[in-house]
Amino acid sequence: MRWVKPWFEILWAPWRMKYIASTVKSGSVECIFCEAPKLGSDEEALILYRSSKNYVILNKYPYNTGHTMVTTFRHIASIEDLGDDELLEASKLVKAVVRALRRLYNPHGFNVGINIGSAAGAGIAGHFHIHIVPRWSGDANFMLTTGGTKVLPETLDITYRRLKPVLEEEARREGV
């Protein structure tokens, strides 16, 4: 007998289908990090800041409010493929993002991470990116632990409008 989860244990997220469908075109998978800068509207693409070699983008499916990523414009898969100038600029952008998130949201900590390859958990394994996730004591509340559902207190468009000017200021401070 095949075990099937009861309906109350399944979380439906139909809005993810738009994302899944947008990454598949004529049987091939497009890179969202290569496509986002070409959309024409940084707000639509959720791009918070552009520097010469990297840019900062909000995660469309955030772990927490303010979950951002720093990624290269160049399509490269791993940290060893970065030039020194790309790595230095990416590091300065991570620093600027942490400062901006600290100013806006006062998190208790951060997860800053790089997943290289799908075996390491990279959702977009072909394009190097760094995650910056603000964390608060107790942010894995009862909804996540008992209901398996994450509750975010702010929509992406509000996060974008609040974070963009603060990040721009912090990035200028870092010289990127």
Protein backbone atom coordinates (compact mmCIF):
# COMPACT_ATOMS: atom_id res chain seq x y z
CA MET A 1 0.00 0.00 0.00
CA ARG A 2 1.34 3.40 -0.99
CA TRP A 3 1.42 5.99 1.79
CA VAL A 4 -0.09 9.36 0.88
CA LYS A 5 0.09 12.41 3.09
CA PRO A 6 -3.27 13.62 4.35
CA TRP A 7 -4.44 16.88 2.72
CA PHE A 8 -3.71 18.87 5.89
CA GLU A 9 0.02 18.01 5.74
CA ILE A 10 0.46 19.33 2.20
CA LEU A 11 1.28 22.99 1.70
CA TRP A 12 0.14 24.22 -1.69
CA ALA A 13 2.20 27.01 -3.23
CA PRO A 14 0.76 27.53 -6.73
CA TRP A 15 2.65 30.82 -7.21
CA ARG A 16 5.89 28.79 -7.48
CA MET A 17 4.66 27.34 -10.79
CA LYS A 18 5.17 30.76 -12.41
CA TYR A 19 8.83 30.61 -11.35
CA ILE A 20 9.26 27.01 -12.46
CA ALA A 21 7.63 27.70 -15.83
CA SER A 22 9.69 30.85 -16.34
CA THR A 23 12.96 28.93 -16.08
CA VAL A 24 12.05 26.43 -18.79
CA LYS A 25 12.01 27.56 -22.41
CA SER A 26 11.89 25.18 -25.37
CA GLY A 27 13.12 22.29 -23.25
CA SER A 28 16.20 24.10 -21.95
CA VAL A 29 16.68 25.75 -18.60
CA GLU A 30 17.57 29.45 -18.57
CA CYS A 31 19.68 30.98 -15.82
CA ILE A 32 17.59 33.34 -13.69
CA PHE A 33 20.73 35.23 -12.64
CA CYS A 34 21.67 35.87 -16.28
CA GLU A 35 18.10 36.84 -17.23
CA ALA A 36 17.22 39.13 -14.29
CA PRO A 37 19.52 42.03 -15.32
CA LYS A 38 17.98 41.98 -18.82
CA LEU A 39 14.37 42.46 -17.66
CA GLY A 40 14.59 46.23 -17.98
CA SER A 41 13.07 46.99 -14.59
CA ASP A 42 15.27 46.43 -11.57
CA GLU A 43 12.20 46.61 -9.33
CA GLU A 44 10.44 43.90 -11.35
CA ALA A 45 13.61 41.78 -11.28
CA LEU A 46 14.09 42.54 -7.54
CA ILE A 47 17.61 43.84 -8.24
CA LEU A 48 18.50 46.11 -5.36
CA TYR A 49 21.92 47.28 -6.52
CA ARG A 50 24.27 46.95 -9.50
CA SER A 51 28.02 47.35 -9.31
CA SER A 52 30.47 46.77 -12.15
CA LYS A 53 30.94 43.00 -11.78
CA ASN A 54 28.16 41.89 -9.40
CA TYR A 55 24.65 42.77 -8.35
CA VAL A 56 22.40 42.31 -5.32
CA ILE A 57 18.98 40.71 -5.72
CA LEU A 58 16.19 39.75 -3.33
CA ASN A 59 15.41 36.05 -3.16
CA LYS A 60 11.90 35.49 -4.60
CA TYR A 61 11.38 32.62 -2.16
CA PRO A 62 13.07 33.96 0.97
CA TYR A 63 13.88 32.03 4.11
CA ASN A 64 13.35 35.27 6.06
CA THR A 65 12.45 38.87 5.32
CA GLY A 66 15.48 40.54 3.74
CA HIS A 67 16.96 37.34 2.27
CA THR A 68 19.24 38.69 -0.45
CA MET A 69 21.87 37.30 -2.78
CA VAL A 70 25.02 38.78 -4.28
CA THR A 71 25.78 37.33 -7.68
CA THR A 72 28.08 37.93 -10.62
CA PHE A 73 26.93 39.31 -13.94
CA ARG A 74 29.22 36.72 -15.52
CA HIS A 75 27.80 33.20 -15.75
CA ILE A 76 30.25 31.16 -13.71
CA ALA A 77 29.53 28.18 -11.49
CA SER A 78 32.08 28.27 -8.70
CA ILE A 79 34.15 30.53 -6.48
CA GLU A 80 37.43 29.41 -8.06
CA ASP A 81 36.19 30.79 -11.39
CA LEU A 82 35.91 34.32 -9.95
CA GLY A 83 38.54 36.91 -10.76
CA ASP A 84 40.10 38.65 -7.78
CA ASP A 85 38.26 41.86 -8.69
CA GLU A 86 34.90 40.02 -8.77
CA LEU A 87 35.58 38.34 -5.43
CA LEU A 88 36.63 41.58 -3.73
CA GLU A 89 33.61 43.45 -5.08
CA ALA A 90 31.25 40.60 -4.06
CA SER A 91 32.72 40.63 -0.55
CA LYS A 92 32.23 44.38 -0.26
CA LEU A 93 28.62 43.98 -1.41
CA VAL A 94 28.00 41.28 1.20
CA LYS A 95 29.34 43.68 3.83
CA ALA A 96 27.07 46.47 2.53
CA VAL A 97 24.03 44.15 2.54
CA VAL A 98 24.70 43.06 6.13
CA ARG A 99 25.02 46.69 7.22
CA ALA A 100 21.82 47.70 5.40
CA LEU A 101 19.83 44.78 6.82
CA ARG A 102 21.16 45.50 10.30
CA ARG A 103 20.04 49.14 10.01
CA LEU A 104 16.57 48.30 8.70
CA TYR A 105 15.58 45.13 10.51
CA ASN A 106 17.90 44.81 13.53
CA PRO A 107 18.43 41.05 13.16
CA HIS A 108 20.16 39.08 15.92
CA GLY A 109 22.47 37.35 13.43
CA PHE A 110 23.04 36.33 9.81
CA ASN A 111 23.58 33.25 7.71
CA VAL A 112 25.97 34.11 4.88
CA GLY A 113 26.57 31.18 2.60
CA ILE A 114 27.67 29.83 -0.74
CA ASN A 115 26.36 26.51 -2.03
CA ILE A 116 28.57 25.23 -4.86
CA GLY A 117 26.92 22.49 -6.91
CA SER A 118 23.53 20.85 -6.56
CA ALA A 119 24.93 18.24 -4.16
CA ALA A 120 25.72 21.12 -1.78
CA GLY A 121 22.20 22.50 -2.03
CA ALA A 122 22.62 25.10 -4.78
CA GLY A 123 19.20 25.71 -6.34
CA ILE A 124 20.85 27.49 -9.27
CA ALA A 125 24.02 25.40 -9.48
CA GLY A 126 25.37 26.92 -12.69
CA HIS A 127 25.66 30.52 -11.48
CA PHE A 128 27.73 31.57 -8.47
CA HIS A 129 25.84 33.49 -5.77
CA ILE A 130 26.12 34.29 -2.08
CA HIS A 131 23.08 34.16 0.22
CA ILE A 132 22.65 36.67 3.05
CA VAL A 133 19.83 35.67 5.41
CA PRO A 134 19.02 37.81 8.44
CA ARG A 135 18.11 35.75 11.52
CA TRP A 136 16.23 36.52 14.72
CA SER A 137 16.15 34.50 17.91
CA GLY A 138 13.07 32.32 17.65
CA ASP A 139 12.51 32.90 13.92
CA ALA A 140 11.80 29.19 13.55
CA ASN A 141 8.50 29.64 15.39
CA PHE A 142 5.65 27.20 15.94
CA MET A 143 4.33 27.68 12.39
CA LEU A 144 7.56 26.28 10.96
CA THR A 145 8.17 23.60 13.57
CA THR A 146 4.60 22.27 13.85
CA GLY A 147 2.95 23.45 10.66
CA GLY A 148 5.90 23.31 8.29
CA THR A 149 5.00 26.84 7.12
CA LYS A 150 7.18 29.95 7.22
CA VAL A 151 5.41 33.24 7.95
CA LEU A 152 7.03 36.41 6.61
CA PRO A 153 5.80 39.73 7.99
CA GLU A 154 6.51 41.80 4.88
CA THR A 155 5.89 41.40 1.14
CA LEU A 156 8.80 41.46 -1.33
CA ASP A 157 7.74 44.78 -2.87
CA ILE A 158 7.80 46.48 0.53
CA THR A 159 11.16 44.90 1.40
CA TYR A 160 12.50 46.10 -1.97
CA ARG A 161 11.35 49.70 -1.45
CA ARG A 162 12.68 49.83 2.12
CA LEU A 163 16.00 48.10 1.48
CA LYS A 164 17.06 49.64 -1.84
CA PRO A 165 17.94 53.18 -0.65
CA VAL A 166 19.69 51.94 2.49
CA LEU A 167 21.72 49.41 0.50
CA GLU A 168 22.67 52.07 -2.06
CA GLU A 169 24.01 54.23 0.75
CA GLU A 170 25.97 51.34 2.31
CA ALA A 171 27.38 50.24 -1.08
CA ARG A 172 28.62 53.78 -1.75
CA ARG A 173 30.24 53.70 1.69
CA GLU A 174 32.06 50.50 0.64
CA GLY A 175 33.12 52.08 -2.65
CA VAL A 176 31.20 49.65 -4.89
